[in-house]
Amino acid sequence: MREPITDPDSYVMLFNSDHGVVVRMDDICMLEGEGNLANIFLKNGSKPATIHRSLDNCMKRLDPRLFFRANRKVIINLSAIHKVIQFDAERLSMKLLNHRLVVMSRNQSRYAPRPVECRIVRMRVFESRQ
């Protein structure tokens, strides 16, 4: 079995049906699975390739320090997260740099850090009357 790709500056060759594309690992934003196919999306919003691998096989090759399985259909690059949002009481969602919103599974949301809630508190200033 091959070793996982651990360097974000390394390049990977993605073969589509008619051509190959060389992509830097750090430019990959997310992988979206459809059965035994994985659509790869870049941070700039483009989709360079669809590869014939399941997300489980892709995850074996990716470094878990760089990539995260958000749910059963999506793997995301941790450096591509723009914002983490509370989706509902049990789940989080992530807005990515390619402007896509990915909802995490309940199980994965349990282990992710919660977004900080900010509440504005109105303060009244009372002047002392003498």
Protein backbone atom coordinates (compact mmCIF):
# COMPACT_ATOMS: atom_id res chain seq x y z
CA MET A 1 0.00 0.00 0.00
CA ARG A 2 1.21 3.49 -0.81
CA GLU A 3 2.07 6.02 1.86
CA PRO A 4 -0.33 8.95 2.39
CA ILE A 5 0.61 12.23 0.76
CA THR A 6 1.64 14.45 3.67
CA ASP A 7 3.14 17.54 2.03
CA PRO A 8 0.57 20.19 1.02
CA ASP A 9 3.05 21.56 -1.55
CA SER A 10 3.32 18.22 -3.36
CA TYR A 11 1.59 17.68 -6.68
CA VAL A 12 -0.76 14.94 -7.77
CA MET A 13 -1.70 13.85 -11.29
CA LEU A 14 -5.46 13.47 -11.75
CA PHE A 15 -6.50 11.44 -14.76
CA ASN A 16 -9.87 12.16 -16.30
CA SER A 17 -11.33 10.10 -19.13
CA ASP A 18 -9.56 12.07 -21.86
CA HIS A 19 -6.73 14.00 -20.17
CA GLY A 20 -4.58 14.36 -17.07
CA VAL A 21 -4.29 17.40 -14.83
CA VAL A 22 -1.46 18.22 -12.43
CA VAL A 23 -2.79 19.79 -9.23
CA ARG A 24 -1.09 20.98 -6.07
CA MET A 25 -2.48 19.18 -2.99
CA ASP A 26 -3.11 22.46 -1.20
CA ASP A 27 -5.23 23.70 -4.15
CA ILE A 28 -7.75 20.89 -3.65
CA CYS A 29 -10.77 22.22 -1.77
CA MET A 30 -12.98 19.14 -1.53
CA LEU A 31 -13.74 15.70 -2.89
CA GLU A 32 -17.37 14.75 -3.39
CA GLY A 33 -18.23 11.08 -3.77
CA GLU A 34 -20.82 9.45 -6.00
CA GLY A 35 -20.49 5.70 -5.56
CA ASN A 36 -17.07 4.67 -6.85
CA LEU A 37 -16.42 8.08 -8.39
CA ALA A 38 -14.94 11.13 -6.70
CA ASN A 39 -15.39 14.65 -8.07
CA ILE A 40 -12.47 16.87 -7.14
CA PHE A 41 -13.06 20.61 -6.68
CA LEU A 42 -10.34 23.25 -6.38
CA LYS A 43 -10.27 26.31 -4.13
CA ASN A 44 -10.84 28.58 -7.14
CA GLY A 45 -14.19 26.84 -7.79
CA SER A 46 -13.19 24.74 -10.79
CA LYS A 47 -13.69 20.98 -11.07
CA PRO A 48 -10.61 19.55 -12.79
CA ALA A 49 -11.38 15.84 -12.66
CA THR A 50 -13.61 12.96 -11.75
CA ILE A 51 -11.59 9.96 -10.66
CA HIS A 52 -12.61 6.32 -10.43
CA ARG A 53 -12.06 5.82 -6.69
CA SER A 54 -14.34 5.69 -3.70
CA LEU A 55 -13.92 8.26 -0.94
CA ASP A 56 -12.69 5.49 1.36
CA ASN A 57 -9.82 4.77 -1.06
CA CYS A 58 -9.10 8.48 -1.45
CA MET A 59 -9.01 8.97 2.33
CA LYS A 60 -6.38 6.21 2.64
CA ARG A 61 -4.08 8.27 0.38
CA LEU A 62 -4.74 11.66 1.99
CA ASP A 63 -3.09 12.95 5.14
CA PRO A 64 -5.65 13.20 7.98
CA ARG A 65 -3.84 16.31 9.21
CA LEU A 66 -4.73 18.05 5.93
CA PHE A 67 -8.05 16.44 4.93
CA PHE A 68 -11.19 15.71 6.93
CA ARG A 69 -14.16 13.44 6.19
CA ALA A 70 -17.08 15.82 6.87
CA ASN A 71 -19.81 13.31 6.01
CA ARG A 72 -20.22 10.16 3.95
CA LYS A 73 -20.17 12.09 0.65
CA VAL A 74 -17.55 14.80 1.21
CA ILE A 75 -13.86 15.08 2.16
CA ILE A 76 -12.61 18.63 2.70
CA ASN A 77 -9.20 20.24 2.85
CA LEU A 78 -8.87 21.86 6.29
CA SER A 79 -7.10 24.86 4.79
CA ALA A 80 -10.13 25.48 2.56
CA ILE A 81 -12.53 26.20 5.43
CA HIS A 82 -13.63 29.83 5.38
CA LYS A 83 -16.16 29.74 8.22
CA VAL A 84 -17.76 27.23 10.61
CA ILE A 85 -21.47 27.78 11.27
CA GLN A 86 -23.93 26.11 13.65
CA PHE A 87 -26.36 24.35 11.25
CA ASP A 88 -28.81 22.99 13.82
CA ALA A 89 -28.70 21.79 17.44
CA GLU A 90 -26.51 18.77 16.61
CA ARG A 91 -24.64 19.62 13.41
CA LEU A 92 -22.15 22.14 12.12
CA SER A 93 -21.71 23.38 8.58
CA MET A 94 -18.64 24.77 6.89
CA LYS A 95 -18.46 27.46 4.26
CA LEU A 96 -15.50 26.68 2.00
CA LEU A 97 -13.28 28.95 -0.07
CA ASN A 98 -15.03 27.79 -3.25
CA HIS A 99 -18.31 29.19 -1.76
CA ARG A 100 -19.86 25.76 -1.16
CA LEU A 101 -21.61 24.92 2.09
CA VAL A 102 -20.89 21.45 3.53
CA VAL A 103 -23.01 20.12 6.39
CA MET A 104 -21.08 17.85 8.71
CA SER A 105 -22.55 14.59 9.95
CA ARG A 106 -23.79 14.49 13.53
CA ASN A 107 -20.96 12.15 14.48
CA GLN A 108 -18.23 14.38 13.03
CA SER A 109 -19.85 17.48 14.51
CA ARG A 110 -19.44 16.07 18.02
CA TYR A 111 -15.65 16.16 17.72
CA ALA A 112 -15.31 19.50 15.96
CA PRO A 113 -14.84 22.73 17.87
CA ARG A 114 -18.01 24.80 18.26
CA PRO A 115 -18.18 28.25 16.68
CA VAL A 116 -17.97 31.08 19.18
CA GLU A 117 -21.31 32.70 19.82
CA CYS A 118 -21.30 36.46 20.15
CA ARG A 119 -24.15 38.19 21.87
CA ILE A 120 -24.56 41.93 21.97
CA VAL A 121 -25.56 43.16 25.38
CA ARG A 122 -27.13 46.58 25.60
CA MET A 123 -25.65 48.68 28.31
CA ARG A 124 -27.25 51.76 29.74
CA VAL A 125 -25.12 54.52 30.95
CA PHE A 126 -26.57 56.31 33.97
CA GLU A 127 -25.40 59.75 34.84
CA SER A 128 -25.36 60.68 38.45
CA ARG A 129 -27.52 63.68 39.17
CA GLN A 130 -26.35 65.94 41.89
